[in-house]
Amino acid sequence: MADKKSLVPVERIERSILLIRGHKVMLDADLAVLYGVTTKRLNEQVRRNIARFPGDFMFRLTLEEVESLRSQFATSNKGRGGRRYAPLVFTEQGIAMLSTVLNSERAIQANIEIMRAFVRLRELMATRKDLAKKLEALEKKYDAQFKVVFDAIRQLMAPPEPKKRKIGFLVREKAARYGRTVVQ
């Protein structure tokens, strides 16, 4: 099935897919760019057809989630040209529903590419699960001397945990003369 040059590279779409609240989603602004419309227009069409977008198809981010994304992607600060409202995010089903409310040739082509990206991600996840099952079978087959090797392979397969900074101050010494704690 020889395709014309795709509208948007699949890698770019895959980078736009985020994992939020346990769902693979895309931001309204990223989708608007792919569909060739403004974010305002995309959200306007969603509001006009809100019955098509139940909570498992689309949801609005909380302020904490917005701040997390802002710090992760180094986007503009609130009050400096940023958005007035928290972004909407769409699950795979919500993205499929968007193609029914944004009825243009570009929206249809972009939607096809997005659906292919979601399918590719599912295939990659299935491959990873198959690999984990095969590793477990090998581990059962061989004795304990290879346990260290299998544990090392499992650690390499695991996604890296995000580093979390502790909140607060570290008290180093007491300032006797002022009777207070000095924080460095």
C-alpha atoms as a PDB file:
ATOM      1  CA  MET A   1       0.000   0.000   0.000  1.00  0.00           C
ATOM      2  CA  ALA A   2       2.177   2.799  -1.303  1.00  0.00           C
ATOM      3  CA  ASP A   3       1.220   6.056   0.386  1.00  0.00           C
ATOM      4  CA  LYS A   4       1.775   9.603  -0.709  1.00  0.00           C
ATOM      5  CA  LYS A   5       4.098  11.560   1.534  1.00  0.00           C
ATOM      6  CA  SER A   6       2.311  11.738   4.880  1.00  0.00           C
ATOM      7  CA  LEU A   7       0.940  15.053   6.066  1.00  0.00           C
ATOM      8  CA  VAL A   8       2.849  14.946   9.348  1.00  0.00           C
ATOM      9  CA  PRO A   9       5.744  12.649  10.272  1.00  0.00           C
ATOM     10  CA  VAL A  10       4.580   9.826  12.528  1.00  0.00           C
ATOM     11  CA  GLU A  11       7.478  10.539  14.902  1.00  0.00           C
ATOM     12  CA  ARG A  12       6.167  14.054  15.506  1.00  0.00           C
ATOM     13  CA  ILE A  13       2.725  12.696  16.309  1.00  0.00           C
ATOM     14  CA  GLU A  14       4.202  10.082  18.646  1.00  0.00           C
ATOM     15  CA  ARG A  15       6.112  12.801  20.514  1.00  0.00           C
ATOM     16  CA  SER A  16       2.814  14.672  20.990  1.00  0.00           C
ATOM     17  CA  ILE A  17       1.133  11.692  22.652  1.00  0.00           C
ATOM     18  CA  LEU A  18       1.296  12.104  26.418  1.00  0.00           C
ATOM     19  CA  LEU A  19       0.406   9.796  29.274  1.00  0.00           C
ATOM     20  CA  ILE A  20      -1.932  11.672  31.627  1.00  0.00           C
ATOM     21  CA  ARG A  21      -4.134  10.036  34.282  1.00  0.00           C
ATOM     22  CA  GLY A  22      -3.247   6.660  32.827  1.00  0.00           C
ATOM     23  CA  HIS A  23      -4.524   7.561  29.352  1.00  0.00           C
ATOM     24  CA  LYS A  24      -2.597   8.198  26.156  1.00  0.00           C
ATOM     25  CA  VAL A  25      -3.802  11.649  25.107  1.00  0.00           C
ATOM     26  CA  MET A  26      -2.987  14.603  22.885  1.00  0.00           C
ATOM     27  CA  LEU A  27      -3.323  18.296  23.750  1.00  0.00           C
ATOM     28  CA  ASP A  28      -5.874  20.445  21.956  1.00  0.00           C
ATOM     29  CA  ALA A  29      -3.148  22.815  20.736  1.00  0.00           C
ATOM     30  CA  ASP A  30      -1.113  19.957  19.190  1.00  0.00           C
ATOM     31  CA  LEU A  31      -4.217  18.589  17.481  1.00  0.00           C
ATOM     32  CA  ALA A  32      -5.168  22.033  16.174  1.00  0.00           C
ATOM     33  CA  VAL A  33      -1.757  22.353  14.495  1.00  0.00           C
ATOM     34  CA  LEU A  34      -2.117  18.920  12.901  1.00  0.00           C
ATOM     35  CA  TYR A  35      -5.650  19.696  11.691  1.00  0.00           C
ATOM     36  CA  GLY A  36      -4.648  23.106  10.345  1.00  0.00           C
ATOM     37  CA  VAL A  37      -7.040  25.105  12.546  1.00  0.00           C
ATOM     38  CA  THR A  38      -6.592  27.372  15.540  1.00  0.00           C
ATOM     39  CA  THR A  39      -6.937  25.950  19.039  1.00  0.00           C
ATOM     40  CA  LYS A  40      -9.847  28.342  19.574  1.00  0.00           C
ATOM     41  CA  ARG A  41     -11.668  26.953  16.512  1.00  0.00           C
ATOM     42  CA  LEU A  42     -11.041  23.336  17.568  1.00  0.00           C
ATOM     43  CA  ASN A  43     -12.372  23.964  21.088  1.00  0.00           C
ATOM     44  CA  GLU A  44     -15.323  25.909  19.675  1.00  0.00           C
ATOM     45  CA  GLN A  45     -16.343  22.901  17.564  1.00  0.00           C
ATOM     46  CA  VAL A  46     -15.967  20.630  20.586  1.00  0.00           C
ATOM     47  CA  ARG A  47     -18.224  22.901  22.687  1.00  0.00           C
ATOM     48  CA  ARG A  48     -20.835  22.957  19.901  1.00  0.00           C
ATOM     49  CA  ASN A  49     -20.790  19.137  19.809  1.00  0.00           C
ATOM     50  CA  ILE A  50     -20.138  18.431  23.495  1.00  0.00           C
ATOM     51  CA  ALA A  51     -22.449  15.384  23.532  1.00  0.00           C
ATOM     52  CA  ARG A  52     -19.912  13.602  21.291  1.00  0.00           C
ATOM     53  CA  PHE A  53     -17.138  13.989  23.897  1.00  0.00           C
ATOM     54  CA  PRO A  54     -17.852  12.167  27.167  1.00  0.00           C
ATOM     55  CA  GLY A  55     -15.273  12.123  29.961  1.00  0.00           C
ATOM     56  CA  ASP A  56     -13.435   9.079  28.595  1.00  0.00           C
ATOM     57  CA  PHE A  57     -12.987  10.822  25.199  1.00  0.00           C
ATOM     58  CA  MET A  58     -11.872  14.241  26.453  1.00  0.00           C
ATOM     59  CA  PHE A  59     -11.123  16.033  29.712  1.00  0.00           C
ATOM     60  CA  ARG A  60      -9.689  19.331  30.918  1.00  0.00           C
ATOM     61  CA  LEU A  61      -6.334  19.303  32.707  1.00  0.00           C
ATOM     62  CA  THR A  62      -6.118  20.366  36.344  1.00  0.00           C
ATOM     63  CA  LEU A  63      -3.959  23.321  37.348  1.00  0.00           C
ATOM     64  CA  GLU A  64      -1.355  20.921  38.778  1.00  0.00           C
ATOM     65  CA  GLU A  65      -1.189  19.003  35.496  1.00  0.00           C
ATOM     66  CA  VAL A  66      -0.849  22.259  33.554  1.00  0.00           C
ATOM     67  CA  GLU A  67       2.008  23.389  35.809  1.00  0.00           C
ATOM     68  CA  SER A  68       3.691  20.011  35.387  1.00  0.00           C
ATOM     69  CA  LEU A  69       3.476  20.290  31.598  1.00  0.00           C
ATOM     70  CA  ARG A  70       4.623  23.908  31.692  1.00  0.00           C
ATOM     71  CA  SER A  71       7.759  23.003  33.643  1.00  0.00           C
ATOM     72  CA  GLN A  72       8.354  19.871  31.540  1.00  0.00           C
ATOM     73  CA  PHE A  73       8.141  21.670  28.210  1.00  0.00           C
ATOM     74  CA  ALA A  74       9.350  25.108  29.366  1.00  0.00           C
ATOM     75  CA  THR A  75       6.295  26.904  27.996  1.00  0.00           C
ATOM     76  CA  SER A  76       5.367  30.480  28.785  1.00  0.00           C
ATOM     77  CA  ASN A  77       4.479  31.588  32.279  1.00  0.00           C
ATOM     78  CA  LYS A  78       0.921  32.413  33.255  1.00  0.00           C
ATOM     79  CA  GLY A  79       0.190  36.051  32.473  1.00  0.00           C
ATOM     80  CA  ARG A  80       2.859  36.289  29.785  1.00  0.00           C
ATOM     81  CA  GLY A  81       1.015  35.380  26.628  1.00  0.00           C
ATOM     82  CA  GLY A  82       0.015  31.907  27.792  1.00  0.00           C
ATOM     83  CA  ARG A  83      -3.445  30.381  27.730  1.00  0.00           C
ATOM     84  CA  ARG A  84      -6.384  31.651  29.739  1.00  0.00           C
ATOM     85  CA  TYR A  85      -7.883  28.206  30.308  1.00  0.00           C
ATOM     86  CA  ALA A  86      -6.417  24.812  31.064  1.00  0.00           C
ATOM     87  CA  PRO A  87      -6.028  22.775  27.872  1.00  0.00           C
ATOM     88  CA  LEU A  88      -8.366  20.030  26.799  1.00  0.00           C
ATOM     89  CA  VAL A  89      -6.833  16.632  26.132  1.00  0.00           C
ATOM     90  CA  PHE A  90      -8.288  13.976  23.875  1.00  0.00           C
ATOM     91  CA  THR A  91      -7.969  10.204  24.119  1.00  0.00           C
ATOM     92  CA  GLU A  92      -7.725   8.082  20.997  1.00  0.00           C
ATOM     93  CA  GLN A  93     -11.531   7.800  20.857  1.00  0.00           C
ATOM     94  CA  GLY A  94     -11.892  11.550  21.293  1.00  0.00           C
ATOM     95  CA  ILE A  95      -9.455  12.180  18.468  1.00  0.00           C
ATOM     96  CA  ALA A  96     -11.482   9.872  16.223  1.00  0.00           C
ATOM     97  CA  MET A  97     -14.599  11.846  17.168  1.00  0.00           C
ATOM     98  CA  LEU A  98     -12.830  15.128  16.323  1.00  0.00           C
ATOM     99  CA  SER A  99     -12.690  14.096  12.682  1.00  0.00           C
ATOM    100  CA  THR A 100     -16.498  14.134  12.624  1.00  0.00           C
ATOM    101  CA  VAL A 101     -16.746  17.722  13.881  1.00  0.00           C
ATOM    102  CA  LEU A 102     -13.779  19.073  11.893  1.00  0.00           C
ATOM    103  CA  ASN A 103     -14.844  18.058   8.431  1.00  0.00           C
ATOM    104  CA  SER A 104     -12.020  19.105   6.124  1.00  0.00           C
ATOM    105  CA  GLU A 105      -9.690  17.144   3.878  1.00  0.00           C
ATOM    106  CA  ARG A 106      -6.687  18.079   6.047  1.00  0.00           C
ATOM    107  CA  ALA A 107      -8.503  16.982   9.230  1.00  0.00           C
ATOM    108  CA  ILE A 108      -9.297  13.615   7.665  1.00  0.00           C
ATOM    109  CA  GLN A 109      -5.696  13.048   6.527  1.00  0.00           C
ATOM    110  CA  ALA A 110      -4.262  14.199   9.866  1.00  0.00           C
ATOM    111  CA  ASN A 111      -6.666  11.917  11.701  1.00  0.00           C
ATOM    112  CA  ILE A 112      -5.564   8.920   9.650  1.00  0.00           C
ATOM    113  CA  GLU A 113      -1.918   9.639  10.532  1.00  0.00           C
ATOM    114  CA  ILE A 114      -2.780  10.057  14.234  1.00  0.00           C
ATOM    115  CA  MET A 115      -4.667   6.753  14.321  1.00  0.00           C
ATOM    116  CA  ARG A 116      -1.675   5.028  12.691  1.00  0.00           C
ATOM    117  CA  ALA A 117       0.596   6.479  15.375  1.00  0.00           C
ATOM    118  CA  PHE A 118      -1.664   5.142  18.153  1.00  0.00           C
ATOM    119  CA  VAL A 119      -1.706   1.703  16.517  1.00  0.00           C
ATOM    120  CA  ARG A 120       2.088   1.753  16.244  1.00  0.00           C
ATOM    121  CA  LEU A 121       2.412   2.617  19.947  1.00  0.00           C
ATOM    122  CA  ARG A 122       0.085  -0.259  20.866  1.00  0.00           C
ATOM    123  CA  GLU A 123       2.199  -2.636  18.778  1.00  0.00           C
ATOM    124  CA  LEU A 124       5.374  -1.436  20.512  1.00  0.00           C
ATOM    125  CA  MET A 125       3.777  -1.970  23.927  1.00  0.00           C
ATOM    126  CA  ALA A 126       2.663  -5.474  22.920  1.00  0.00           C
ATOM    127  CA  THR A 127       6.192  -6.286  21.719  1.00  0.00           C
ATOM    128  CA  ARG A 128       7.593  -5.153  25.048  1.00  0.00           C
ATOM    129  CA  LYS A 129       5.122  -7.366  26.939  1.00  0.00           C
ATOM    130  CA  ASP A 130       6.023 -10.343  24.732  1.00  0.00           C
ATOM    131  CA  LEU A 131       9.696  -9.729  25.432  1.00  0.00           C
ATOM    132  CA  ALA A 132       9.021  -9.663  29.181  1.00  0.00           C
ATOM    133  CA  LYS A 133       7.138 -12.992  28.951  1.00  0.00           C
ATOM    134  CA  LYS A 134       9.990 -14.613  27.015  1.00  0.00           C
ATOM    135  CA  LEU A 135      12.498 -13.344  29.550  1.00  0.00           C
ATOM    136  CA  GLU A 136      10.418 -14.794  32.392  1.00  0.00           C
ATOM    137  CA  ALA A 137      10.262 -18.184  30.624  1.00  0.00           C
ATOM    138  CA  LEU A 138      14.039 -18.182  30.169  1.00  0.00           C
ATOM    139  CA  GLU A 139      14.522 -17.268  33.808  1.00  0.00           C
ATOM    140  CA  LYS A 140      12.409 -20.224  34.929  1.00  0.00           C
ATOM    141  CA  LYS A 141      14.306 -22.521  32.584  1.00  0.00           C
ATOM    142  CA  TYR A 142      17.793 -21.680  33.852  1.00  0.00           C
ATOM    143  CA  ASP A 143      19.080 -21.876  37.408  1.00  0.00           C
ATOM    144  CA  ALA A 144      19.825 -19.113  39.909  1.00  0.00           C
ATOM    145  CA  GLN A 145      23.311 -18.329  38.576  1.00  0.00           C
ATOM    146  CA  PHE A 146      21.687 -16.282  35.779  1.00  0.00           C
ATOM    147  CA  LYS A 147      19.359 -14.409  38.135  1.00  0.00           C
ATOM    148  CA  VAL A 148      21.723 -11.431  38.230  1.00  0.00           C
ATOM    149  CA  VAL A 149      21.744 -11.239  34.433  1.00  0.00           C
ATOM    150  CA  PHE A 150      17.942 -11.413  34.230  1.00  0.00           C
ATOM    151  CA  ASP A 151      17.558  -8.738  36.916  1.00  0.00           C
ATOM    152  CA  ALA A 152      19.940  -6.455  35.007  1.00  0.00           C
ATOM    153  CA  ILE A 153      17.973  -6.967  31.780  1.00  0.00           C
ATOM    154  CA  ARG A 154      14.710  -6.159  33.593  1.00  0.00           C
ATOM    155  CA  GLN A 155      16.215  -2.936  34.937  1.00  0.00           C
ATOM    156  CA  LEU A 156      17.244  -1.942  31.424  1.00  0.00           C
ATOM    157  CA  MET A 157      13.727  -2.644  30.132  1.00  0.00           C
ATOM    158  CA  ALA A 158      12.019  -0.575  32.850  1.00  0.00           C
ATOM    159  CA  PRO A 159      11.215   3.039  31.957  1.00  0.00           C
ATOM    160  CA  PRO A 160      13.267   5.541  33.948  1.00  0.00           C
ATOM    161  CA  GLU A 161      11.574   6.958  37.034  1.00  0.00           C
ATOM    162  CA  PRO A 162      11.251  10.738  37.041  1.00  0.00           C
ATOM    163  CA  LYS A 163      13.506  12.443  39.548  1.00  0.00           C
ATOM    164  CA  LYS A 164      11.581  14.207  42.291  1.00  0.00           C
ATOM    165  CA  ARG A 165      13.096  16.994  44.293  1.00  0.00           C
ATOM    166  CA  LYS A 166      12.263  17.222  47.967  1.00  0.00           C
ATOM    167  CA  ILE A 167      10.316  20.289  48.978  1.00  0.00           C
ATOM    168  CA  GLY A 168      11.596  22.441  51.827  1.00  0.00           C
ATOM    169  CA  PHE A 169      14.892  23.606  53.245  1.00  0.00           C
ATOM    170  CA  LEU A 170      17.860  21.748  54.595  1.00  0.00           C
ATOM    171  CA  VAL A 171      18.959  23.006  58.009  1.00  0.00           C
ATOM    172  CA  ARG A 172      22.746  23.024  58.305  1.00  0.00           C
ATOM    173  CA  GLU A 173      23.506  24.805  61.572  1.00  0.00           C
ATOM    174  CA  LYS A 174      22.007  26.891  64.358  1.00  0.00           C
ATOM    175  CA  ALA A 175      22.874  30.560  64.584  1.00  0.00           C
ATOM    176  CA  ALA A 176      23.446  30.971  68.279  1.00  0.00           C
ATOM    177  CA  ARG A 177      23.720  34.699  68.277  1.00  0.00           C
ATOM    178  CA  TYR A 178      20.245  35.248  66.736  1.00  0.00           C
ATOM    179  CA  GLY A 179      18.604  32.219  68.225  1.00  0.00           C
ATOM    180  CA  ARG A 180      17.260  31.113  64.840  1.00  0.00           C
ATOM    181  CA  THR A 181      17.989  28.468  62.311  1.00  0.00           C
ATOM    182  CA  VAL A 182      20.117  29.434  59.324  1.00  0.00           C
ATOM    183  CA  VAL A 183      19.014  27.903  56.059  1.00  0.00           C
ATOM    184  CA  GLN A 184      21.448  27.479  53.191  1.00  0.00           C
END
